[in-house]
Amino acid sequence: MTFLPTLPRISPVAKSNSTSWLYVGTIVPIAFTVYALYFDRQRRHSSAFRARIEASKKKVAKIEDEEKQQKKRQGEKDTQRAIAIASSARKIPESQSDAEQIMMDHLSQGDGAQKRGDVVSAAAYYFLAIEVHPDQEQIITGLMQHVPVEIAQIIGGMMQKVSPKPIISLYPNLE
């Protein structure tokens, strides 16, 4: 007696199940196509429909403009807070080595604030480090490559409002 594999029988339930999937697979794309054609015809021929679309575009544009204005106001507030923090934390060095130590302290405080997620304080401390550093262009370039965009924007706003005066040039005895 040889053993022949038997094929599984397809029950009437399974057969009707696959047929229903076939119907769904053809009806859904047809319904989508009909809706797309209806939508396109409405878009082309109905003035009320076009007016609704235009009104919704204007509404979206207005909301986006308000968000931009809000973001700009928030950036200005952050810049003012950072300037206040920087003016209260400013230290005047007494020697060149003291200036280097103060710069390193400000950089480490900025890193700590950045790790805590306090971008305003981080920007303030980085700004103070820029003030103390003798070659400001070098440290600005280095910071802008390594800090997040939010902090760089606040530092840029601070530099527009209060340009960093090199501490070394203010105190010639430090050189």
Foldseek 3Di string as FASTA:
>chain_A
DDDDDDDDDDDPVNVVVVVVVVVVVPPVVVVVVVVVVVVVCCCPPPPVVVVVVVVVVVVVVVVVVVVVVVVVVVLVVLLVVLVVLLVVPADQADALVSLVVLLVVLQVQLVVCVVVVNLSPNLSSLLNSLQSDPPNVVSLVVVVVPDDPSSNSSNVVNCVVPNRHRSCVVDVVRD
